[in-house]
Structures are given as structure tokens and as C-alpha cells.
Amino acid sequence: MVTRLFVCCLNIQEGRSTRKICDLVNLSVPHLVRIFSDSVYNRSNLTLCGDRKQLVSVVDKISSYALDNIHINTVERNEDQTMHHHIGILDLIPIHPLLNCELDDAANVALDISKMLEDKGVPTLLFGSCHPQNKSLVEVRKRTSFYDRGQIKYTSDVTAGHDTLGISVVGNSEYVLSYNMVINSVDIEKINTIVPTIRNRKSGVQVMAYRNKFDGNNVVEIACNLTKCSSSTGCPEYVLEQTKEAVKSLGYDVIHSYSTNPTFAELKAFVNSYKS
């Protein structure tokens, strides 16, 4: 029987408590490919890999843990610009096809996870082909307060979230690599002038700049969603070189770069170990 493997890049609002992060890792093994935790934004990305039943099971365990240990009132957004935008503790749960499966198969996994969360009393918003109108993640988030600062608000579809977990956004899409570059500048207006030169829709390079901290210093980061990260002009290496040239023209440098989820090479290595 052919094994269908999927990737889930689960975003959870916990990136500061070492104990809780270790607990999340232990709950995710052996399906954890990589965890990325950001203490500044108090957010972690757990990249999970498995078949349909395995992914639903591990997300079930993580959500049960969050119910008991991570409450939305402890990470409520405020005017602190370093707090990551969110509308729930299990803020984003995207499912991506990886091996022997298609987008429609990933949609079935996402719908299973959505039902599991709804059964726990956690409202969910769907995106991708899970959504009745095939709405994108950005379109769904724009109907909430995700892109705003201040009190969390919901939509006409979901008027109230779970008391401790808020709401979750669940859906399916092709794999997206989240790639960030740190610039030794605090002038976000100036950095925004070069964003259009880095953005490349044809190559699947989506770009935005925002303020952050790095090694205790205020900086600007350029965040990229790479939807064609295995292509010659959509890969991290190419994007980094383009960005270095652009920021150099302004008198700045790229001082650090990183991805918050695995590259295709990391996923391939995990799949090979999974098979063995």
C-alpha cells in the first residue's frame, strides 16, 4: 500500500518557556522534522511530517496540551510591536502534500484536524480548497483582526473564540518556505523602498519588511514566503543575493538569514529516514 505523507507547519503562541517548548517537542516525536522558536515574538513553528492519521493524532496531542498549559490571555496582543500577530494559540495549521499525494488529499487532513479542534470547542477558519469559496490564507485572515494591533476580534462566521485557545486557522496549500533576512538598519521606510525589487511573483517570492530585534538590537527584517523555493530564481540562495545587492545600495548589509521551517533538502532527508 502506498504511503501518503504530508507536512504540517503548526504555528503556536509559545516561544519563551523552555519547559513548554521541550514538552511540545516530546509530544511531536517521532514526527517532528524541526522546531523553530522565537522568544521575541513568543511563537514557535513545529514542522511535522506523517500520514493522515499520524498528523491528526499529533496535532490532537498538542492541542490538548495547549488547553491545559497555554492560554490566550497570557499572550494577549498589545501595542508591543514585537508580539506576533495572532488570533489564537494554535494560530495557523497548514497542511501541505509531500509524497504520493495531492492538494485534495491535504485538504482531507486539514478538515480532519478542523473537526477535531471543533469537537474540543475551538472554532476554526478554513482556507485553501477546504474553504467553500477557495479563499486564500491572506483573504481569510483579513476578515479577522490578525493584521491589526490591540484586542483580538473575530469574523461574522466566528463571533467568539475558545476561552483559552482563541480560534485556529486550518487549511491546505503547496509547501511554502518562510525565509527571513536581518538588515542592520532601523529605517523601515527606506528598506520598504527596495522591497519591490526583491518581490518576484513569477518566481513565487512574496516579501514584506517589519521591525524586530536581533542580538538585543533593533533591526529591520525582510520576510519572504517562497512558494517555488526549489526553482533557480525562487530559492533562498538567489533571494539572499538579490537582497544583499539591494540593501547595499542603501548603505546597509544583511547580517543574518534563516528559515523558520525546513528546506526541501531537510524534508527529503526526513522522508528517507522515515522510509528506513
C-alpha atoms as a PDB file:
ATOM      1  CA  MET A   1       0.000   0.000   0.000  1.00  0.00           C
ATOM      2  CA  VAL A   2       1.308   3.455  -0.984  1.00  0.00           C
ATOM      3  CA  THR A   3       2.062   5.734   1.978  1.00  0.00           C
ATOM      4  CA  ARG A   4       0.878   9.312   1.564  1.00  0.00           C
ATOM      5  CA  LEU A   5       2.999  11.764   3.538  1.00  0.00           C
ATOM      6  CA  PHE A   6       2.041  15.308   4.454  1.00  0.00           C
ATOM      7  CA  VAL A   7       3.774  18.264   6.104  1.00  0.00           C
ATOM      8  CA  CYS A   8       2.141  20.396   8.788  1.00  0.00           C
ATOM      9  CA  CYS A   9       3.842  23.668   9.781  1.00  0.00           C
ATOM     10  CA  LEU A  10       1.965  24.289  13.029  1.00  0.00           C
ATOM     11  CA  ASN A  11       2.337  27.787  14.493  1.00  0.00           C
ATOM     12  CA  ILE A  12       1.774  28.051  18.242  1.00  0.00           C
ATOM     13  CA  GLN A  13       1.963  31.111  20.501  1.00  0.00           C
ATOM     14  CA  GLU A  14       4.722  29.846  22.806  1.00  0.00           C
ATOM     15  CA  GLY A  15       8.373  30.651  22.259  1.00  0.00           C
ATOM     16  CA  ARG A  16       9.713  31.641  25.675  1.00  0.00           C
ATOM     17  CA  SER A  17       9.116  28.838  28.154  1.00  0.00           C
ATOM     18  CA  THR A  18      11.874  26.235  27.798  1.00  0.00           C
ATOM     19  CA  ARG A  19       9.773  23.692  29.690  1.00  0.00           C
ATOM     20  CA  LYS A  20       6.764  24.122  27.444  1.00  0.00           C
ATOM     21  CA  ILE A  21       8.868  24.037  24.278  1.00  0.00           C
ATOM     22  CA  CYS A  22      10.510  20.796  25.436  1.00  0.00           C
ATOM     23  CA  ASP A  23       7.060  19.373  26.184  1.00  0.00           C
ATOM     24  CA  LEU A  24       5.899  20.267  22.661  1.00  0.00           C
ATOM     25  CA  VAL A  25       8.967  18.569  21.175  1.00  0.00           C
ATOM     26  CA  ASN A  26       8.348  15.405  23.206  1.00  0.00           C
ATOM     27  CA  LEU A  27       4.716  15.324  22.086  1.00  0.00           C
ATOM     28  CA  SER A  28       5.775  15.667  18.435  1.00  0.00           C
ATOM     29  CA  VAL A  29       8.444  12.953  18.274  1.00  0.00           C
ATOM     30  CA  PRO A  30       8.932  10.963  16.014  1.00  0.00           C
ATOM     31  CA  HIS A  31       7.034  13.162  13.541  1.00  0.00           C
ATOM     32  CA  LEU A  32       8.932  16.383  14.253  1.00  0.00           C
ATOM     33  CA  VAL A  33      11.175  17.494  11.377  1.00  0.00           C
ATOM     34  CA  ARG A  34      12.227  20.740  13.001  1.00  0.00           C
ATOM     35  CA  ILE A  35      11.124  23.285  15.608  1.00  0.00           C
ATOM     36  CA  PHE A  36      11.845  26.998  15.353  1.00  0.00           C
ATOM     37  CA  SER A  37      11.163  29.117  18.457  1.00  0.00           C
ATOM     38  CA  ASP A  38      11.277  32.910  18.590  1.00  0.00           C
ATOM     39  CA  SER A  39      11.369  34.302  22.121  1.00  0.00           C
ATOM     40  CA  VAL A  40      10.877  37.877  20.910  1.00  0.00           C
ATOM     41  CA  TYR A  41       7.630  37.043  19.138  1.00  0.00           C
ATOM     42  CA  ASN A  42       6.726  34.313  21.664  1.00  0.00           C
ATOM     43  CA  ARG A  43       5.935  31.926  18.833  1.00  0.00           C
ATOM     44  CA  SER A  44       7.120  28.508  17.675  1.00  0.00           C
ATOM     45  CA  ASN A  45       6.805  26.692  14.379  1.00  0.00           C
ATOM     46  CA  LEU A  46       6.672  22.915  14.654  1.00  0.00           C
ATOM     47  CA  THR A  47       7.148  21.228  11.282  1.00  0.00           C
ATOM     48  CA  LEU A  48       5.528  17.808  11.444  1.00  0.00           C
ATOM     49  CA  CYS A  49       5.559  15.015   8.888  1.00  0.00           C
ATOM     50  CA  GLY A  50       3.433  11.886   8.695  1.00  0.00           C
ATOM     51  CA  ASP A  51       0.442  10.233   7.117  1.00  0.00           C
ATOM     52  CA  ARG A  52      -3.135  11.438   7.606  1.00  0.00           C
ATOM     53  CA  LYS A  53      -3.829   9.535  10.811  1.00  0.00           C
ATOM     54  CA  GLN A  54      -0.444  10.373  12.353  1.00  0.00           C
ATOM     55  CA  LEU A  55      -0.716  14.129  11.751  1.00  0.00           C
ATOM     56  CA  VAL A  56      -4.233  14.329  13.158  1.00  0.00           C
ATOM     57  CA  SER A  57      -3.056  12.381  16.217  1.00  0.00           C
ATOM     58  CA  VAL A  58      -0.031  14.580  16.944  1.00  0.00           C
ATOM     59  CA  VAL A  59      -1.982  17.829  16.469  1.00  0.00           C
ATOM     60  CA  ASP A  60      -4.615  16.360  18.813  1.00  0.00           C
ATOM     61  CA  LYS A  61      -1.930  15.808  21.476  1.00  0.00           C
ATOM     62  CA  ILE A  62      -0.514  19.317  21.020  1.00  0.00           C
ATOM     63  CA  SER A  63      -3.953  20.944  21.202  1.00  0.00           C
ATOM     64  CA  SER A  64      -4.806  19.006  24.381  1.00  0.00           C
ATOM     65  CA  TYR A  65      -1.527  20.157  25.923  1.00  0.00           C
ATOM     66  CA  ALA A  66      -2.234  23.762  24.911  1.00  0.00           C
ATOM     67  CA  LEU A  67      -5.680  23.585  26.505  1.00  0.00           C
ATOM     68  CA  ASP A  68      -4.068  22.854  29.861  1.00  0.00           C
ATOM     69  CA  ASN A  69      -0.868  24.896  29.618  1.00  0.00           C
ATOM     70  CA  ILE A  70      -1.024  27.813  27.145  1.00  0.00           C
ATOM     71  CA  HIS A  71      -3.826  30.361  27.458  1.00  0.00           C
ATOM     72  CA  ILE A  72      -4.565  33.208  25.114  1.00  0.00           C
ATOM     73  CA  ASN A  73      -4.975  35.711  27.957  1.00  0.00           C
ATOM     74  CA  THR A  74      -1.290  35.221  28.819  1.00  0.00           C
ATOM     75  CA  VAL A  75      -0.132  36.186  25.294  1.00  0.00           C
ATOM     76  CA  GLU A  76      -2.809  38.757  24.503  1.00  0.00           C
ATOM     77  CA  ARG A  77      -1.631  41.206  21.885  1.00  0.00           C
ATOM     78  CA  ASN A  78      -0.992  44.799  22.834  1.00  0.00           C
ATOM     79  CA  GLU A  79       0.878  47.794  21.461  1.00  0.00           C
ATOM     80  CA  ASP A  80       4.225  45.980  21.832  1.00  0.00           C
ATOM     81  CA  GLN A  81       5.303  45.709  18.215  1.00  0.00           C
ATOM     82  CA  THR A  82       7.384  42.614  18.960  1.00  0.00           C
ATOM     83  CA  MET A  83       4.349  40.443  19.724  1.00  0.00           C
ATOM     84  CA  HIS A  84       3.472  38.339  16.699  1.00  0.00           C
ATOM     85  CA  HIS A  85       0.055  38.863  15.149  1.00  0.00           C
ATOM     86  CA  HIS A  86      -2.308  36.070  16.161  1.00  0.00           C
ATOM     87  CA  ILE A  87      -5.946  35.240  16.775  1.00  0.00           C
ATOM     88  CA  GLY A  88      -5.407  32.027  18.689  1.00  0.00           C
ATOM     89  CA  ILE A  89      -2.861  29.859  20.470  1.00  0.00           C
ATOM     90  CA  LEU A  90      -2.810  27.253  17.683  1.00  0.00           C
ATOM     91  CA  ASP A  91      -2.847  30.175  15.304  1.00  0.00           C
ATOM     92  CA  LEU A  92      -2.102  28.502  11.976  1.00  0.00           C
ATOM     93  CA  ILE A  93      -2.224  24.851  10.939  1.00  0.00           C
ATOM     94  CA  PRO A  94      -1.447  24.474   7.217  1.00  0.00           C
ATOM     95  CA  ILE A  95      -1.254  21.037   5.586  1.00  0.00           C
ATOM     96  CA  HIS A  96       0.994  20.527   2.537  1.00  0.00           C
ATOM     97  CA  PRO A  97       1.237  17.460   0.269  1.00  0.00           C
ATOM     98  CA  LEU A  98       4.708  15.898   0.328  1.00  0.00           C
ATOM     99  CA  LEU A  99       4.829  12.328  -1.023  1.00  0.00           C
ATOM    100  CA  ASN A 100       2.343  10.289  -3.104  1.00  0.00           C
ATOM    101  CA  CYS A 101      -0.462  12.798  -2.523  1.00  0.00           C
ATOM    102  CA  GLU A 102      -2.129  15.892  -3.956  1.00  0.00           C
ATOM    103  CA  LEU A 103      -3.653  19.113  -2.620  1.00  0.00           C
ATOM    104  CA  ASP A 104      -7.068  17.481  -2.316  1.00  0.00           C
ATOM    105  CA  ASP A 105      -5.561  14.796  -0.068  1.00  0.00           C
ATOM    106  CA  ALA A 106      -4.036  17.544   2.107  1.00  0.00           C
ATOM    107  CA  ALA A 107      -7.476  19.169   2.302  1.00  0.00           C
ATOM    108  CA  ASN A 108      -8.897  15.979   3.813  1.00  0.00           C
ATOM    109  CA  VAL A 109      -6.212  16.019   6.526  1.00  0.00           C
ATOM    110  CA  ALA A 110      -6.924  19.687   7.256  1.00  0.00           C
ATOM    111  CA  LEU A 111     -10.662  19.001   7.530  1.00  0.00           C
ATOM    112  CA  ASP A 112      -9.981  16.123   9.943  1.00  0.00           C
ATOM    113  CA  ILE A 113      -7.908  18.480  12.113  1.00  0.00           C
ATOM    114  CA  SER A 114     -10.559  21.186  11.926  1.00  0.00           C
ATOM    115  CA  LYS A 115     -13.248  18.741  13.102  1.00  0.00           C
ATOM    116  CA  MET A 116     -11.006  17.505  15.915  1.00  0.00           C
ATOM    117  CA  LEU A 117     -10.489  21.087  17.153  1.00  0.00           C
ATOM    118  CA  GLU A 118     -14.173  21.959  16.791  1.00  0.00           C
ATOM    119  CA  ASP A 119     -15.001  18.896  18.907  1.00  0.00           C
ATOM    120  CA  LYS A 120     -12.765  20.386  21.622  1.00  0.00           C
ATOM    121  CA  GLY A 121     -14.706  23.645  21.390  1.00  0.00           C
ATOM    122  CA  VAL A 122     -12.055  25.525  19.388  1.00  0.00           C
ATOM    123  CA  PRO A 123     -13.619  27.362  16.406  1.00  0.00           C
ATOM    124  CA  THR A 124     -11.690  27.119  13.126  1.00  0.00           C
ATOM    125  CA  LEU A 125     -11.493  29.168   9.952  1.00  0.00           C
ATOM    126  CA  LEU A 126     -10.626  27.297   6.762  1.00  0.00           C
ATOM    127  CA  PHE A 127      -8.504  28.358   3.796  1.00  0.00           C
ATOM    128  CA  GLY A 128      -7.403  26.842   0.505  1.00  0.00           C
ATOM    129  CA  SER A 129      -9.604  24.236  -1.133  1.00  0.00           C
ATOM    130  CA  CYS A 130     -11.033  23.479   2.334  1.00  0.00           C
ATOM    131  CA  HIS A 131     -12.836  26.825   2.115  1.00  0.00           C
ATOM    132  CA  PRO A 132     -16.204  26.778   0.295  1.00  0.00           C
ATOM    133  CA  GLN A 133     -15.003  29.661  -1.940  1.00  0.00           C
ATOM    134  CA  ASN A 134     -11.373  28.512  -2.045  1.00  0.00           C
ATOM    135  CA  LYS A 135     -10.232  31.619  -0.132  1.00  0.00           C
ATOM    136  CA  SER A 136      -6.505  32.075   0.453  1.00  0.00           C
ATOM    137  CA  LEU A 137      -4.923  32.343   3.908  1.00  0.00           C
ATOM    138  CA  VAL A 138      -4.452  36.103   3.477  1.00  0.00           C
ATOM    139  CA  GLU A 139      -8.093  36.584   2.442  1.00  0.00           C
ATOM    140  CA  VAL A 140      -9.317  34.647   5.483  1.00  0.00           C
ATOM    141  CA  ARG A 141      -7.013  36.488   7.882  1.00  0.00           C
ATOM    142  CA  LYS A 142      -8.100  39.879   6.537  1.00  0.00           C
ATOM    143  CA  ARG A 143     -11.612  39.152   7.811  1.00  0.00           C
ATOM    144  CA  THR A 144     -10.212  38.969  11.360  1.00  0.00           C
ATOM    145  CA  SER A 145      -8.035  41.322  13.420  1.00  0.00           C
ATOM    146  CA  PHE A 146      -4.894  39.315  12.552  1.00  0.00           C
ATOM    147  CA  TYR A 147      -3.205  42.236  10.793  1.00  0.00           C
ATOM    148  CA  ASP A 148      -4.200  44.772  13.470  1.00  0.00           C
ATOM    149  CA  ARG A 149      -2.765  45.512  16.887  1.00  0.00           C
ATOM    150  CA  GLY A 150      -4.854  45.531  20.026  1.00  0.00           C
ATOM    151  CA  GLN A 151      -7.805  43.429  21.114  1.00  0.00           C
ATOM    152  CA  ILE A 152      -8.431  40.209  19.208  1.00  0.00           C
ATOM    153  CA  LYS A 153     -11.565  40.298  17.068  1.00  0.00           C
ATOM    154  CA  TYR A 154     -13.145  37.583  15.012  1.00  0.00           C
ATOM    155  CA  THR A 155     -15.413  37.407  11.966  1.00  0.00           C
ATOM    156  CA  SER A 156     -19.097  37.211  11.174  1.00  0.00           C
ATOM    157  CA  ASP A 157     -18.539  33.459  10.793  1.00  0.00           C
ATOM    158  CA  VAL A 158     -16.873  33.073  14.188  1.00  0.00           C
ATOM    159  CA  THR A 159     -18.063  35.695  16.660  1.00  0.00           C
ATOM    160  CA  ALA A 160     -16.198  34.327  19.671  1.00  0.00           C
ATOM    161  CA  GLY A 161     -13.173  32.164  20.232  1.00  0.00           C
ATOM    162  CA  HIS A 162     -12.414  29.461  22.766  1.00  0.00           C
ATOM    163  CA  ASP A 163     -11.878  30.897  26.254  1.00  0.00           C
ATOM    164  CA  THR A 164      -8.207  29.885  26.380  1.00  0.00           C
ATOM    165  CA  LEU A 165      -7.208  28.967  22.799  1.00  0.00           C
ATOM    166  CA  GLY A 166      -8.999  31.611  20.722  1.00  0.00           C
ATOM    167  CA  ILE A 167      -9.536  30.332  17.183  1.00  0.00           C
ATOM    168  CA  SER A 168      -7.369  28.387  14.738  1.00  0.00           C
ATOM    169  CA  VAL A 169      -6.898  28.850  11.005  1.00  0.00           C
ATOM    170  CA  VAL A 170      -6.624  25.498   9.229  1.00  0.00           C
ATOM    171  CA  GLY A 171      -6.204  24.739   5.534  1.00  0.00           C
ATOM    172  CA  ASN A 172      -4.140  23.353   2.708  1.00  0.00           C
ATOM    173  CA  SER A 173      -1.631  24.719   0.212  1.00  0.00           C
ATOM    174  CA  GLU A 174       1.539  23.802  -1.603  1.00  0.00           C
ATOM    175  CA  TYR A 175       4.622  23.955   0.619  1.00  0.00           C
ATOM    176  CA  VAL A 176       5.883  27.458   1.444  1.00  0.00           C
ATOM    177  CA  LEU A 177       9.372  28.183   2.810  1.00  0.00           C
ATOM    178  CA  SER A 178       9.447  31.083   5.274  1.00  0.00           C
ATOM    179  CA  TYR A 179      12.811  32.794   4.812  1.00  0.00           C
ATOM    180  CA  ASN A 180      13.947  35.865   6.751  1.00  0.00           C
ATOM    181  CA  MET A 181      16.889  38.245   6.378  1.00  0.00           C
ATOM    182  CA  VAL A 182      18.081  40.622   9.114  1.00  0.00           C
ATOM    183  CA  ILE A 183      19.222  44.087   7.993  1.00  0.00           C
ATOM    184  CA  ASN A 184      21.471  46.310  10.134  1.00  0.00           C
ATOM    185  CA  SER A 185      19.050  49.208   9.868  1.00  0.00           C
ATOM    186  CA  VAL A 186      16.127  50.644  11.837  1.00  0.00           C
ATOM    187  CA  ASP A 187      14.826  52.693   8.900  1.00  0.00           C
ATOM    188  CA  ILE A 188      11.881  50.591   7.771  1.00  0.00           C
ATOM    189  CA  GLU A 189      10.655  53.311   5.397  1.00  0.00           C
ATOM    190  CA  LYS A 190      13.943  53.209   3.494  1.00  0.00           C
ATOM    191  CA  ILE A 191      14.020  49.389   3.471  1.00  0.00           C
ATOM    192  CA  ASN A 192      10.470  49.360   2.105  1.00  0.00           C
ATOM    193  CA  THR A 193      11.707  51.211  -0.978  1.00  0.00           C
ATOM    194  CA  ILE A 194      13.682  48.127  -2.079  1.00  0.00           C
ATOM    195  CA  VAL A 195      11.029  45.532  -1.260  1.00  0.00           C
ATOM    196  CA  PRO A 196       9.552  45.718  -4.810  1.00  0.00           C
ATOM    197  CA  THR A 197      12.966  44.890  -6.283  1.00  0.00           C
ATOM    198  CA  ILE A 198      13.122  41.661  -4.228  1.00  0.00           C
ATOM    199  CA  ARG A 199       9.490  40.636  -4.742  1.00  0.00           C
ATOM    200  CA  ASN A 200       9.007  38.353  -7.749  1.00  0.00           C
ATOM    201  CA  ARG A 201       5.533  36.921  -8.218  1.00  0.00           C
ATOM    202  CA  LYS A 202       6.593  34.859 -11.240  1.00  0.00           C
ATOM    203  CA  SER A 203       9.232  33.129  -9.102  1.00  0.00           C
ATOM    204  CA  GLY A 204       6.918  32.825  -6.104  1.00  0.00           C
ATOM    205  CA  VAL A 205       8.773  35.347  -3.920  1.00  0.00           C
ATOM    206  CA  GLN A 206       6.425  37.250  -1.583  1.00  0.00           C
ATOM    207  CA  VAL A 207       8.119  39.922   0.552  1.00  0.00           C
ATOM    208  CA  MET A 208       7.413  42.242   3.462  1.00  0.00           C
ATOM    209  CA  ALA A 209       9.593  44.234   5.871  1.00  0.00           C
ATOM    210  CA  TYR A 210       8.990  44.688   9.582  1.00  0.00           C
ATOM    211  CA  ARG A 211      10.725  45.808  12.772  1.00  0.00           C
ATOM    212  CA  ASN A 212      12.339  43.203  15.008  1.00  0.00           C
ATOM    213  CA  LYS A 213      15.188  42.656  17.467  1.00  0.00           C
ATOM    214  CA  PHE A 214      18.408  40.746  16.808  1.00  0.00           C
ATOM    215  CA  ASP A 215      21.061  40.155  19.490  1.00  0.00           C
ATOM    216  CA  GLY A 216      19.247  42.735  21.600  1.00  0.00           C
ATOM    217  CA  ASN A 217      19.390  45.426  18.910  1.00  0.00           C
ATOM    218  CA  ASN A 218      16.558  46.995  16.943  1.00  0.00           C
ATOM    219  CA  VAL A 219      16.694  45.939  13.300  1.00  0.00           C
ATOM    220  CA  VAL A 220      14.546  45.577  10.221  1.00  0.00           C
ATOM    221  CA  GLU A 221      13.815  42.110   8.887  1.00  0.00           C
ATOM    222  CA  ILE A 222      12.775  41.229   5.382  1.00  0.00           C
ATOM    223  CA  ALA A 223      10.461  38.226   5.479  1.00  0.00           C
ATOM    224  CA  CYS A 224       9.880  36.144   2.364  1.00  0.00           C
ATOM    225  CA  ASN A 225       7.358  33.434   1.614  1.00  0.00           C
ATOM    226  CA  LEU A 226       8.944  31.300  -1.095  1.00  0.00           C
ATOM    227  CA  THR A 227       6.298  29.269  -2.915  1.00  0.00           C
ATOM    228  CA  LYS A 228       8.745  27.979  -5.543  1.00  0.00           C
ATOM    229  CA  CYS A 229      11.741  27.512  -3.267  1.00  0.00           C
ATOM    230  CA  SER A 230      13.313  24.765  -5.392  1.00  0.00           C
ATOM    231  CA  SER A 231      13.476  26.950  -8.523  1.00  0.00           C
ATOM    232  CA  SER A 232      16.623  28.822  -9.589  1.00  0.00           C
ATOM    233  CA  THR A 233      15.085  32.281  -9.042  1.00  0.00           C
ATOM    234  CA  GLY A 234      12.811  31.382  -6.115  1.00  0.00           C
ATOM    235  CA  CYS A 235      15.341  29.606  -3.877  1.00  0.00           C
ATOM    236  CA  PRO A 236      16.756  31.149  -0.678  1.00  0.00           C
ATOM    237  CA  GLU A 237      20.258  31.463  -2.136  1.00  0.00           C
ATOM    238  CA  TYR A 238      19.081  33.570  -5.073  1.00  0.00           C
ATOM    239  CA  VAL A 239      16.793  35.723  -2.917  1.00  0.00           C
ATOM    240  CA  LEU A 240      19.638  36.354  -0.462  1.00  0.00           C
ATOM    241  CA  GLU A 241      21.994  37.567  -3.200  1.00  0.00           C
ATOM    242  CA  GLN A 242      19.302  39.846  -4.640  1.00  0.00           C
ATOM    243  CA  THR A 243      18.613  41.279  -1.193  1.00  0.00           C
ATOM    244  CA  LYS A 244      22.291  41.830  -0.407  1.00  0.00           C
ATOM    245  CA  GLU A 245      22.688  43.893  -3.574  1.00  0.00           C
ATOM    246  CA  ALA A 246      19.554  45.906  -2.861  1.00  0.00           C
ATOM    247  CA  VAL A 247      20.368  46.786   0.770  1.00  0.00           C
ATOM    248  CA  LYS A 248      23.997  47.529  -0.134  1.00  0.00           C
ATOM    249  CA  SER A 249      22.732  50.274  -2.442  1.00  0.00           C
ATOM    250  CA  LEU A 250      21.238  51.894   0.667  1.00  0.00           C
ATOM    251  CA  GLY A 251      24.431  51.515   2.687  1.00  0.00           C
ATOM    252  CA  TYR A 252      23.300  48.522   4.754  1.00  0.00           C
ATOM    253  CA  ASP A 253      24.108  44.813   4.974  1.00  0.00           C
ATOM    254  CA  VAL A 254      22.313  41.531   5.530  1.00  0.00           C
ATOM    255  CA  ILE A 255      23.791  40.399   8.857  1.00  0.00           C
ATOM    256  CA  HIS A 256      21.827  37.165   9.324  1.00  0.00           C
ATOM    257  CA  SER A 257      19.425  34.943   7.402  1.00  0.00           C
ATOM    258  CA  TYR A 258      17.348  31.942   8.453  1.00  0.00           C
ATOM    259  CA  SER A 259      14.267  29.888   7.608  1.00  0.00           C
ATOM    260  CA  THR A 260      11.582  29.125  10.177  1.00  0.00           C
ATOM    261  CA  ASN A 261      10.642  25.824   8.536  1.00  0.00           C
ATOM    262  CA  PRO A 262      12.671  23.133   6.745  1.00  0.00           C
ATOM    263  CA  THR A 263      14.100  23.409   3.259  1.00  0.00           C
ATOM    264  CA  PHE A 264      13.220  20.759   0.689  1.00  0.00           C
ATOM    265  CA  ALA A 265      16.602  19.129   1.379  1.00  0.00           C
ATOM    266  CA  GLU A 266      15.700  18.750   5.069  1.00  0.00           C
ATOM    267  CA  LEU A 267      12.300  17.324   4.193  1.00  0.00           C
ATOM    268  CA  LYS A 268      13.859  14.865   1.741  1.00  0.00           C
ATOM    269  CA  ALA A 269      16.324  13.684   4.397  1.00  0.00           C
ATOM    270  CA  PHE A 270      13.461  13.209   6.878  1.00  0.00           C
ATOM    271  CA  VAL A 271      11.419  11.220   4.354  1.00  0.00           C
ATOM    272  CA  ASN A 272      14.411   8.974   3.628  1.00  0.00           C
ATOM    273  CA  SER A 273      14.857   8.298   7.346  1.00  0.00           C
ATOM    274  CA  TYR A 274      11.091   7.758   7.675  1.00  0.00           C
ATOM    275  CA  LYS A 275      11.184   5.104   4.935  1.00  0.00           C
ATOM    276  CA  SER A 276      14.125   3.319   6.523  1.00  0.00           C
END
